[in-house]
Structure formats: structure tokens, C-alpha cells
C-alpha atoms as a PDB file:
ATOM      1  CA  UNK A   1      16.795  28.675  26.597  1.00  0.00           C
ATOM      2  CA  UNK A   2      15.109  27.909  23.288  1.00  0.00           C
ATOM      3  CA  UNK A   3      14.312  30.867  21.010  1.00  0.00           C
ATOM      4  CA  UNK A   4      10.728  32.087  20.770  1.00  0.00           C
ATOM      5  CA  UNK A   5       9.359  32.801  17.313  1.00  0.00           C
ATOM      6  CA  UNK A   6       6.687  35.463  17.055  1.00  0.00           C
ATOM      7  CA  UNK A   7       5.701  35.170  13.427  1.00  0.00           C
ATOM      8  CA  UNK A   8       2.145  36.554  13.091  1.00  0.00           C
ATOM      9  CA  UNK A   9      -0.530  33.921  12.797  1.00  0.00           C
ATOM     10  CA  UNK A  10      -1.646  33.338   9.211  1.00  0.00           C
ATOM     11  CA  UNK A  11      -4.992  32.055   7.985  1.00  0.00           C
ATOM     12  CA  UNK A  12      -3.651  28.547   7.427  1.00  0.00           C
ATOM     13  CA  UNK A  13      -5.519  25.253   7.492  1.00  0.00           C
ATOM     14  CA  UNK A  14      -4.247  24.415  10.941  1.00  0.00           C
ATOM     15  CA  UNK A  15      -6.944  21.812  11.525  1.00  0.00           C
ATOM     16  CA  UNK A  16      -6.422  20.009   8.225  1.00  0.00           C
ATOM     17  CA  UNK A  17      -6.645  16.238   8.579  1.00  0.00           C
ATOM     18  CA  UNK A  18      -3.694  16.036   6.196  1.00  0.00           C
ATOM     19  CA  UNK A  19      -1.270  17.810   8.510  1.00  0.00           C
ATOM     20  CA  UNK A  20       0.038  16.514  11.837  1.00  0.00           C
ATOM     21  CA  UNK A  21       1.749  19.363  13.704  1.00  0.00           C
ATOM     22  CA  UNK A  22       3.169  20.028  17.146  1.00  0.00           C
ATOM     23  CA  UNK A  23       1.478  23.152  18.444  1.00  0.00           C
ATOM     24  CA  UNK A  24       4.508  24.141  20.542  1.00  0.00           C
ATOM     25  CA  UNK A  25       6.517  24.834  17.382  1.00  0.00           C
ATOM     26  CA  UNK A  26       3.814  26.131  15.053  1.00  0.00           C
ATOM     27  CA  UNK A  27       5.481  29.540  14.731  1.00  0.00           C
ATOM     28  CA  UNK A  28       8.936  28.349  13.707  1.00  0.00           C
ATOM     29  CA  UNK A  29      10.136  30.450  10.760  1.00  0.00           C
ATOM     30  CA  UNK A  30      10.645  27.423   8.463  1.00  0.00           C
ATOM     31  CA  UNK A  31       8.741  24.191   7.791  1.00  0.00           C
ATOM     32  CA  UNK A  32       9.718  20.601   7.014  1.00  0.00           C
ATOM     33  CA  UNK A  33       6.964  18.521   5.399  1.00  0.00           C
ATOM     34  CA  UNK A  34       7.462  14.761   5.868  1.00  0.00           C
ATOM     35  CA  UNK A  35       5.788  12.119   3.689  1.00  0.00           C
ATOM     36  CA  UNK A  36       5.237   8.514   4.883  1.00  0.00           C
ATOM     37  CA  UNK A  37       6.008   5.207   3.170  1.00  0.00           C
ATOM     38  CA  UNK A  38       3.337   2.862   1.763  1.00  0.00           C
ATOM     39  CA  UNK A  39       0.958   2.028   4.596  1.00  0.00           C
ATOM     40  CA  UNK A  40       2.793   4.402   6.948  1.00  0.00           C
ATOM     41  CA  UNK A  41       1.367   7.428   8.709  1.00  0.00           C
ATOM     42  CA  UNK A  42       2.495  10.805   9.993  1.00  0.00           C
ATOM     43  CA  UNK A  43       3.202   9.235  13.405  1.00  0.00           C
ATOM     44  CA  UNK A  44       6.503   8.083  11.888  1.00  0.00           C
ATOM     45  CA  UNK A  45       7.718  11.671  12.267  1.00  0.00           C
ATOM     46  CA  UNK A  46       6.171  12.424  15.647  1.00  0.00           C
ATOM     47  CA  UNK A  47       9.486  12.301  17.523  1.00  0.00           C
ATOM     48  CA  UNK A  48      11.583  14.075  14.901  1.00  0.00           C
ATOM     49  CA  UNK A  49      10.931  17.596  16.160  1.00  0.00           C
ATOM     50  CA  UNK A  50      13.158  16.990  19.195  1.00  0.00           C
ATOM     51  CA  UNK A  51      16.076  15.947  16.962  1.00  0.00           C
ATOM     52  CA  UNK A  52      15.979  18.763  14.418  1.00  0.00           C
ATOM     53  CA  UNK A  53      16.782  22.503  14.542  1.00  0.00           C
ATOM     54  CA  UNK A  54      14.221  24.469  16.572  1.00  0.00           C
ATOM     55  CA  UNK A  55      13.882  26.918  13.690  1.00  0.00           C
ATOM     56  CA  UNK A  56      12.090  24.212  11.690  1.00  0.00           C
ATOM     57  CA  UNK A  57       8.544  23.020  12.321  1.00  0.00           C
ATOM     58  CA  UNK A  58       8.129  19.337  11.446  1.00  0.00           C
ATOM     59  CA  UNK A  59       4.786  18.665   9.743  1.00  0.00           C
ATOM     60  CA  UNK A  60       3.825  15.057   9.084  1.00  0.00           C
ATOM     61  CA  UNK A  61       1.625  14.427   6.068  1.00  0.00           C
ATOM     62  CA  UNK A  62      -1.354  12.143   6.794  1.00  0.00           C
ATOM     63  CA  UNK A  63      -3.063  11.060   3.546  1.00  0.00           C
ATOM     64  CA  UNK A  64      -6.412   9.251   3.776  1.00  0.00           C
ATOM     65  CA  UNK A  65      -6.345   5.545   4.552  1.00  0.00           C
ATOM     66  CA  UNK A  66      -4.027   5.537   7.598  1.00  0.00           C
ATOM     67  CA  UNK A  67      -3.742   6.691  11.201  1.00  0.00           C
ATOM     68  CA  UNK A  68      -6.737   8.727  12.288  1.00  0.00           C
ATOM     69  CA  UNK A  69      -7.957   8.614   8.664  1.00  0.00           C
ATOM     70  CA  UNK A  70      -7.884   4.829   8.376  1.00  0.00           C
ATOM     71  CA  UNK A  71     -11.521   4.508   7.348  1.00  0.00           C
ATOM     72  CA  UNK A  72     -11.202   6.980   4.468  1.00  0.00           C
ATOM     73  CA  UNK A  73     -10.440   5.558   1.010  1.00  0.00           C
ATOM     74  CA  UNK A  74      -6.783   5.995   0.064  1.00  0.00           C
ATOM     75  CA  UNK A  75      -5.648   7.506  -3.219  1.00  0.00           C
ATOM     76  CA  UNK A  76      -4.667   4.981  -5.882  1.00  0.00           C
ATOM     77  CA  UNK A  77      -3.103   7.337  -8.412  1.00  0.00           C
ATOM     78  CA  UNK A  78      -0.402   9.981  -8.148  1.00  0.00           C
ATOM     79  CA  UNK A  79      -2.288  12.732 -10.003  1.00  0.00           C
ATOM     80  CA  UNK A  80      -5.264  12.817  -7.622  1.00  0.00           C
ATOM     81  CA  UNK A  81      -3.004  12.604  -4.570  1.00  0.00           C
ATOM     82  CA  UNK A  82      -0.779  15.465  -5.748  1.00  0.00           C
ATOM     83  CA  UNK A  83      -3.705  17.692  -6.683  1.00  0.00           C
ATOM     84  CA  UNK A  84      -5.205  17.362  -3.230  1.00  0.00           C
ATOM     85  CA  UNK A  85      -1.843  17.840  -1.528  1.00  0.00           C
ATOM     86  CA  UNK A  86      -1.254  21.105  -3.396  1.00  0.00           C
ATOM     87  CA  UNK A  87      -4.599  22.389  -2.120  1.00  0.00           C
ATOM     88  CA  UNK A  88      -3.833  21.316   1.449  1.00  0.00           C
ATOM     89  CA  UNK A  89      -0.359  22.809   1.817  1.00  0.00           C
ATOM     90  CA  UNK A  90      -0.664  25.885  -0.401  1.00  0.00           C
ATOM     91  CA  UNK A  91      -1.530  28.062   2.602  1.00  0.00           C
ATOM     92  CA  UNK A  92       1.661  27.014   4.392  1.00  0.00           C
ATOM     93  CA  UNK A  93       4.185  27.980   1.747  1.00  0.00           C
ATOM     94  CA  UNK A  94       4.668  31.541   2.994  1.00  0.00           C
ATOM     95  CA  UNK A  95       8.006  30.719   4.675  1.00  0.00           C
ATOM     96  CA  UNK A  96      11.075  28.703   3.559  1.00  0.00           C
ATOM     97  CA  UNK A  97      10.190  25.000   3.535  1.00  0.00           C
ATOM     98  CA  UNK A  98      11.654  21.610   2.704  1.00  0.00           C
ATOM     99  CA  UNK A  99      10.376  18.112   1.878  1.00  0.00           C
ATOM    100  CA  UNK A 100      11.437  14.721   3.240  1.00  0.00           C
ATOM    101  CA  UNK A 101       9.885  11.521   1.931  1.00  0.00           C
ATOM    102  CA  UNK A 102      10.659   7.886   2.686  1.00  0.00           C
ATOM    103  CA  UNK A 103      10.213   5.057   0.175  1.00  0.00           C
ATOM    104  CA  UNK A 104       6.931   5.683  -1.661  1.00  0.00           C
ATOM    105  CA  UNK A 105       6.735   8.968   0.251  1.00  0.00           C
ATOM    106  CA  UNK A 106       9.947  10.029  -1.490  1.00  0.00           C
ATOM    107  CA  UNK A 107       8.256   9.656  -4.857  1.00  0.00           C
ATOM    108  CA  UNK A 108       5.282  11.698  -3.613  1.00  0.00           C
ATOM    109  CA  UNK A 109       7.564  14.443  -2.262  1.00  0.00           C
ATOM    110  CA  UNK A 110       9.461  14.488  -5.564  1.00  0.00           C
ATOM    111  CA  UNK A 111       6.349  14.830  -7.718  1.00  0.00           C
ATOM    112  CA  UNK A 112       4.729  17.369  -5.380  1.00  0.00           C
ATOM    113  CA  UNK A 113       7.840  19.565  -5.645  1.00  0.00           C
ATOM    114  CA  UNK A 114       7.617  19.328  -9.427  1.00  0.00           C
ATOM    115  CA  UNK A 115       3.909  20.169  -9.419  1.00  0.00           C
ATOM    116  CA  UNK A 116       4.494  23.280  -7.316  1.00  0.00           C
ATOM    117  CA  UNK A 117       7.140  24.292  -9.834  1.00  0.00           C
ATOM    118  CA  UNK A 118       4.759  23.660 -12.760  1.00  0.00           C
ATOM    119  CA  UNK A 119       2.124  25.899 -11.176  1.00  0.00           C
ATOM    120  CA  UNK A 120       4.666  28.658 -10.425  1.00  0.00           C
ATOM    121  CA  UNK A 121       3.951  28.303  -6.699  1.00  0.00           C
ATOM    122  CA  UNK A 122       6.649  28.568  -3.997  1.00  0.00           C
ATOM    123  CA  UNK A 123       8.964  25.573  -4.189  1.00  0.00           C
ATOM    124  CA  UNK A 124      10.900  23.839  -1.402  1.00  0.00           C
ATOM    125  CA  UNK A 125      14.428  24.988  -0.676  1.00  0.00           C
ATOM    126  CA  UNK A 126      15.446  21.368  -0.267  1.00  0.00           C
ATOM    127  CA  UNK A 127      14.006  17.991  -1.314  1.00  0.00           C
ATOM    128  CA  UNK A 128      15.218  14.940   0.648  1.00  0.00           C
ATOM    129  CA  UNK A 129      14.469  11.527  -0.832  1.00  0.00           C
ATOM    130  CA  UNK A 130      14.955   8.397   1.266  1.00  0.00           C
ATOM    131  CA  UNK A 131      15.045   4.697   0.282  1.00  0.00           C
ATOM    132  CA  UNK A 132      13.925   5.199  -3.303  1.00  0.00           C
ATOM    133  CA  UNK A 133      15.511   4.556  -6.666  1.00  0.00           C
ATOM    134  CA  UNK A 134      15.197   7.182  -9.377  1.00  0.00           C
ATOM    135  CA  UNK A 135      11.909   6.744 -11.322  1.00  0.00           C
ATOM    136  CA  UNK A 136      13.495   5.236 -14.449  1.00  0.00           C
ATOM    137  CA  UNK A 137      15.093   2.459 -12.361  1.00  0.00           C
ATOM    138  CA  UNK A 138      11.915   1.330 -10.631  1.00  0.00           C
ATOM    139  CA  UNK A 139      10.521  -2.028 -11.637  1.00  0.00           C
ATOM    140  CA  UNK A 140       6.767  -2.177 -12.176  1.00  0.00           C
ATOM    141  CA  UNK A 141       6.344  -5.237  -9.973  1.00  0.00           C
ATOM    142  CA  UNK A 142       2.599  -5.057  -9.516  1.00  0.00           C
ATOM    143  CA  UNK A 143       2.811  -5.427  -5.736  1.00  0.00           C
ATOM    144  CA  UNK A 144      -0.599  -3.773  -5.406  1.00  0.00           C
ATOM    145  CA  UNK A 145      -2.102  -6.627  -7.465  1.00  0.00           C
ATOM    146  CA  UNK A 146      -0.627  -9.498  -5.449  1.00  0.00           C
ATOM    147  CA  UNK A 147      -2.960 -11.972  -3.697  1.00  0.00           C
ATOM    148  CA  UNK A 148      -3.282 -11.374   0.030  1.00  0.00           C
ATOM    149  CA  UNK A 149      -0.766 -13.957   1.247  1.00  0.00           C
ATOM    150  CA  UNK A 150       1.812 -12.997  -1.379  1.00  0.00           C
ATOM    151  CA  UNK A 151       1.385  -9.333  -0.495  1.00  0.00           C
ATOM    152  CA  UNK A 152       1.945 -10.051   3.204  1.00  0.00           C
ATOM    153  CA  UNK A 153       5.108 -12.021   2.451  1.00  0.00           C
ATOM    154  CA  UNK A 154       6.370  -9.167   0.313  1.00  0.00           C
ATOM    155  CA  UNK A 155       5.682  -6.613   3.042  1.00  0.00           C
ATOM    156  CA  UNK A 156       7.589  -8.690   5.588  1.00  0.00           C
ATOM    157  CA  UNK A 157      10.693  -8.371   3.400  1.00  0.00           C
ATOM    158  CA  UNK A 158      10.741  -4.613   4.062  1.00  0.00           C
ATOM    159  CA  UNK A 159      11.349  -5.334   7.756  1.00  0.00           C
ATOM    160  CA  UNK A 160       9.477  -2.262   8.918  1.00  0.00           C
ATOM    161  CA  UNK A 161       6.115  -3.535  10.161  1.00  0.00           C
ATOM    162  CA  UNK A 162       5.531  -4.474  13.822  1.00  0.00           C
ATOM    163  CA  UNK A 163       4.962  -8.206  14.305  1.00  0.00           C
ATOM    164  CA  UNK A 164       1.703  -7.485  16.109  1.00  0.00           C
ATOM    165  CA  UNK A 165       0.180  -6.448  12.777  1.00  0.00           C
ATOM    166  CA  UNK A 166       0.770  -9.829  11.168  1.00  0.00           C
ATOM    167  CA  UNK A 167      -0.808 -11.554  14.185  1.00  0.00           C
ATOM    168  CA  UNK A 168      -4.003  -9.472  14.086  1.00  0.00           C
ATOM    169  CA  UNK A 169      -6.226 -10.703  11.258  1.00  0.00           C
ATOM    170  CA  UNK A 170      -8.876  -8.036  11.834  1.00  0.00           C
ATOM    171  CA  UNK A 171      -6.312  -5.227  11.715  1.00  0.00           C
ATOM    172  CA  UNK A 172      -4.740  -6.707   8.591  1.00  0.00           C
ATOM    173  CA  UNK A 173      -8.087  -6.571   6.816  1.00  0.00           C
ATOM    174  CA  UNK A 174      -8.340  -2.882   7.707  1.00  0.00           C
ATOM    175  CA  UNK A 175      -4.892  -1.779   6.562  1.00  0.00           C
ATOM    176  CA  UNK A 176      -4.188  -3.942   3.494  1.00  0.00           C
ATOM    177  CA  UNK A 177      -6.497  -1.977   1.139  1.00  0.00           C
ATOM    178  CA  UNK A 178      -4.632   1.241   1.929  1.00  0.00           C
ATOM    179  CA  UNK A 179      -1.253  -0.450   1.519  1.00  0.00           C
ATOM    180  CA  UNK A 180      -2.341  -1.739  -1.883  1.00  0.00           C
ATOM    181  CA  UNK A 181      -3.518   1.739  -2.837  1.00  0.00           C
ATOM    182  CA  UNK A 182      -0.198   3.282  -1.790  1.00  0.00           C
ATOM    183  CA  UNK A 183       1.776   0.798  -3.874  1.00  0.00           C
ATOM    184  CA  UNK A 184      -0.578   1.526  -6.770  1.00  0.00           C
ATOM    185  CA  UNK A 185       0.311   5.228  -6.526  1.00  0.00           C
ATOM    186  CA  UNK A 186       3.974   4.436  -7.064  1.00  0.00           C
ATOM    187  CA  UNK A 187       3.652   1.547  -9.510  1.00  0.00           C
ATOM    188  CA  UNK A 188       1.234   3.296 -11.889  1.00  0.00           C
ATOM    189  CA  UNK A 189       3.118   6.616 -11.796  1.00  0.00           C
ATOM    190  CA  UNK A 190       4.608   7.654 -15.111  1.00  0.00           C
ATOM    191  CA  UNK A 191       7.270  10.300 -14.607  1.00  0.00           C
ATOM    192  CA  UNK A 192       6.939  12.978 -17.289  1.00  0.00           C
ATOM    193  CA  UNK A 193      10.180  14.461 -18.539  1.00  0.00           C
ATOM    194  CA  UNK A 194       8.705  17.955 -18.630  1.00  0.00           C
ATOM    195  CA  UNK A 195      10.921  19.783 -16.130  1.00  0.00           C
ATOM    196  CA  UNK A 196      13.899  19.461 -13.800  1.00  0.00           C
ATOM    197  CA  UNK A 197      13.794  20.230 -10.087  1.00  0.00           C
ATOM    198  CA  UNK A 198      15.450  23.585  -9.477  1.00  0.00           C
ATOM    199  CA  UNK A 199      16.186  23.040  -5.804  1.00  0.00           C
ATOM    200  CA  UNK A 200      18.855  21.072  -3.983  1.00  0.00           C
ATOM    201  CA  UNK A 201      18.185  17.336  -3.781  1.00  0.00           C
ATOM    202  CA  UNK A 202      19.587  15.095  -1.044  1.00  0.00           C
ATOM    203  CA  UNK A 203      19.253  11.312  -1.303  1.00  0.00           C
ATOM    204  CA  UNK A 204      19.436   8.840   1.606  1.00  0.00           C
ATOM    205  CA  UNK A 205      19.578   5.046   1.672  1.00  0.00           C
ATOM    206  CA  UNK A 206      20.542   2.199   3.939  1.00  0.00           C
ATOM    207  CA  UNK A 207      23.661   0.342   2.815  1.00  0.00           C
ATOM    208  CA  UNK A 208      21.874  -3.025   3.012  1.00  0.00           C
ATOM    209  CA  UNK A 209      18.499  -2.023   1.558  1.00  0.00           C
ATOM    210  CA  UNK A 210      17.510  -4.866  -0.807  1.00  0.00           C
ATOM    211  CA  UNK A 211      15.088  -2.612  -2.687  1.00  0.00           C
ATOM    212  CA  UNK A 212      17.463   0.242  -3.524  1.00  0.00           C
ATOM    213  CA  UNK A 213      20.499   0.136  -5.807  1.00  0.00           C
ATOM    214  CA  UNK A 214      22.876   2.330  -3.815  1.00  0.00           C
ATOM    215  CA  UNK A 215      25.325   2.386  -6.739  1.00  0.00           C
ATOM    216  CA  UNK A 216      22.763   4.195  -8.894  1.00  0.00           C
ATOM    217  CA  UNK A 217      21.413   6.765  -6.436  1.00  0.00           C
ATOM    218  CA  UNK A 218      23.321   9.504  -8.274  1.00  0.00           C
ATOM    219  CA  UNK A 219      20.964   8.903 -11.221  1.00  0.00           C
ATOM    220  CA  UNK A 220      18.474  11.176  -9.475  1.00  0.00           C
ATOM    221  CA  UNK A 221      20.598  13.829 -11.202  1.00  0.00           C
ATOM    222  CA  UNK A 222      18.529  13.219 -14.350  1.00  0.00           C
ATOM    223  CA  UNK A 223      15.626  14.956 -12.598  1.00  0.00           C
ATOM    224  CA  UNK A 224      17.349  18.006 -11.123  1.00  0.00           C
ATOM    225  CA  UNK A 225      19.455  20.936 -12.287  1.00  0.00           C
ATOM    226  CA  UNK A 226      22.151  20.178  -9.701  1.00  0.00           C
ATOM    227  CA  UNK A 227      24.126  17.150  -8.574  1.00  0.00           C
ATOM    228  CA  UNK A 228      22.257  15.332  -5.769  1.00  0.00           C
ATOM    229  CA  UNK A 229      23.980  14.890  -2.432  1.00  0.00           C
ATOM    230  CA  UNK A 230      23.971  11.107  -1.873  1.00  0.00           C
ATOM    231  CA  UNK A 231      24.186   9.727   1.687  1.00  0.00           C
ATOM    232  CA  UNK A 232      24.414   5.962   2.298  1.00  0.00           C
ATOM    233  CA  UNK A 233      23.828   5.161   5.958  1.00  0.00           C
ATOM    234  CA  UNK A 234      24.088   1.930   7.913  1.00  0.00           C
ATOM    235  CA  UNK A 235      20.957  -0.225   7.797  1.00  0.00           C
ATOM    236  CA  UNK A 236      18.227  -1.726   5.624  1.00  0.00           C
ATOM    237  CA  UNK A 237      15.094  -0.197   4.072  1.00  0.00           C
ATOM    238  CA  UNK A 238      14.036   1.224   7.444  1.00  0.00           C
ATOM    239  CA  UNK A 239      17.583   2.137   8.485  1.00  0.00           C
ATOM    240  CA  UNK A 240      16.419   4.932  10.808  1.00  0.00           C
ATOM    241  CA  UNK A 241      14.385   2.536  12.954  1.00  0.00           C
ATOM    242  CA  UNK A 242      17.683   1.298  14.383  1.00  0.00           C
ATOM    243  CA  UNK A 243      19.443   4.648  14.659  1.00  0.00           C
ATOM    244  CA  UNK A 244      17.276   7.697  14.080  1.00  0.00           C
ATOM    245  CA  UNK A 245      19.965  10.154  15.057  1.00  0.00           C
ATOM    246  CA  UNK A 246      22.335   9.105  12.275  1.00  0.00           C
ATOM    247  CA  UNK A 247      19.660  10.348   9.862  1.00  0.00           C
ATOM    248  CA  UNK A 248      18.480  13.432  11.753  1.00  0.00           C
ATOM    249  CA  UNK A 249      22.078  14.637  12.109  1.00  0.00           C
ATOM    250  CA  UNK A 250      22.373  14.662   8.328  1.00  0.00           C
ATOM    251  CA  UNK A 251      18.959  16.282   7.887  1.00  0.00           C
ATOM    252  CA  UNK A 252      19.756  18.914  10.511  1.00  0.00           C
ATOM    253  CA  UNK A 253      23.038  19.737   8.767  1.00  0.00           C
ATOM    254  CA  UNK A 254      21.250  20.399   5.472  1.00  0.00           C
ATOM    255  CA  UNK A 255      18.447  22.368   7.124  1.00  0.00           C
ATOM    256  CA  UNK A 256      20.962  24.557   8.957  1.00  0.00           C
ATOM    257  CA  UNK A 257      22.328  25.651   5.585  1.00  0.00           C
ATOM    258  CA  UNK A 258      18.961  27.198   4.655  1.00  0.00           C
ATOM    259  CA  UNK A 259      18.331  30.765   5.798  1.00  0.00           C
ATOM    260  CA  UNK A 260      15.137  32.762   6.144  1.00  0.00           C
END
């Protein structure tokens, strides 16, 4: 029998368009906020709840420009995105929480954790960064400025987009502006050396990811007060698409180490 959590209901933004939650676990005593990759949506994390400790509520972050918010203009700069995210999640930081971000979502999770720290708000117990080099390693490639055909060819190299998308011209026209905006968030971000993350940092990558230098993942240490826990798993940039449980086992292990 699964445990029942009876935490009193708080005045949270439960209907926020930014937050995708499973109502059957809304009273778990801890929360895991998950941030999508460029062009991705919170649906990426829809199945994760079943693979992670029941004491954690999985909350997918749904920025504008994707999923049910496809027709809303996406953020193009990190500062505006982070400011709005702080407003959206501030009412949900009353219990222990953690962040997980994949690819560009890792950079967003990283900077959001730093912004909470700057504002002296509650900070995550754990920050998990997936498929992303440390900020000083990133190359400013200008992907968001590429012509349409060049951008599509670049996206195909990530090996994470369903083939049906490339075959649907109308759908492509709808999603490409948001994908460009997401890449702009990461490529125009200038990481200020104003503070170090005070919480534990765990880094994940696929061993054959062409966009991540797995030999330099420990350089995330430049941005935290502790040594990051580096985990190189089997696969490419979207390594968990082939074996989700190899990732969720690691995540579950780290979450189990956090207490209320």
C-alpha cells in the first residue's frame, strides 16, 4: 500500500499554466521541478512520477511557446524567463524541493537556483543538470540565428525529435519560433560570477552525446561550493529516451538521501 500524505492544502498557484502536476500526488511532502530542453515541454516528465519515490511530487515546468501554451510567445532571454519563474514557483517552496533540467533546461534550472539564492528565498536541496556543459565551456554557436533549413538539420543531430515533426510543414512553422527562442535563452546568457550554488549538484550525460564534453563535466565545480556528482550513462543527447529507468534509478537514489 502506498503511503498517504495529509499535508494541509496551501494557497498555491495550482492552476498555473507553468506547472504540470499529477493531482494524485499533489500532497507529497517534497517536490521535484523538471525543466524541458529547447523546444520540449513538460510532457517529457509525464511518466516520471511512476519511477520516482512516492514522497516526491514531480512537477513539469511548461514555459510559454510549447505544449498547451504553443501560441504564446516564448521567452528569448534568460533574465525575463527567470524572473517569471521565480514568481510562478515561489508559492511552492514551503517544502524540501529539487530541480532537474535537461539540455537548455539544465541551464535554466541552474540559473533559477542561483536567483533564489540571490533573493534569499528557499533554495533547492539538490540541483540535477543533464546533457549540458558548464557555462564557460559552451560555444556561442548562434543556432537561434540559423536559416530555417540549417536550423532543421542542426536539430536532427540531437536525435530527439519525432520524425513526424519533420514531415509536417505546418507544424514546423508553429514550433520553430519557440525553438529559436529557447536556443536564444541559452546562447545569449552571460553567467555572472557573483555567487556559488550552496546545494548539492549532480550532473548527468550520455556517454556518446556529441554536444557534451564528458571529460569536463566536473568543471561544474566552478559554480558550486561542493564537488559535483558526475554520472555518465549509456546513450546520446537524449540517453533516457532509450532507457528511462537507468536515469530515474540514479535520480531516485539522490532524492532518497533528502529528508523532510
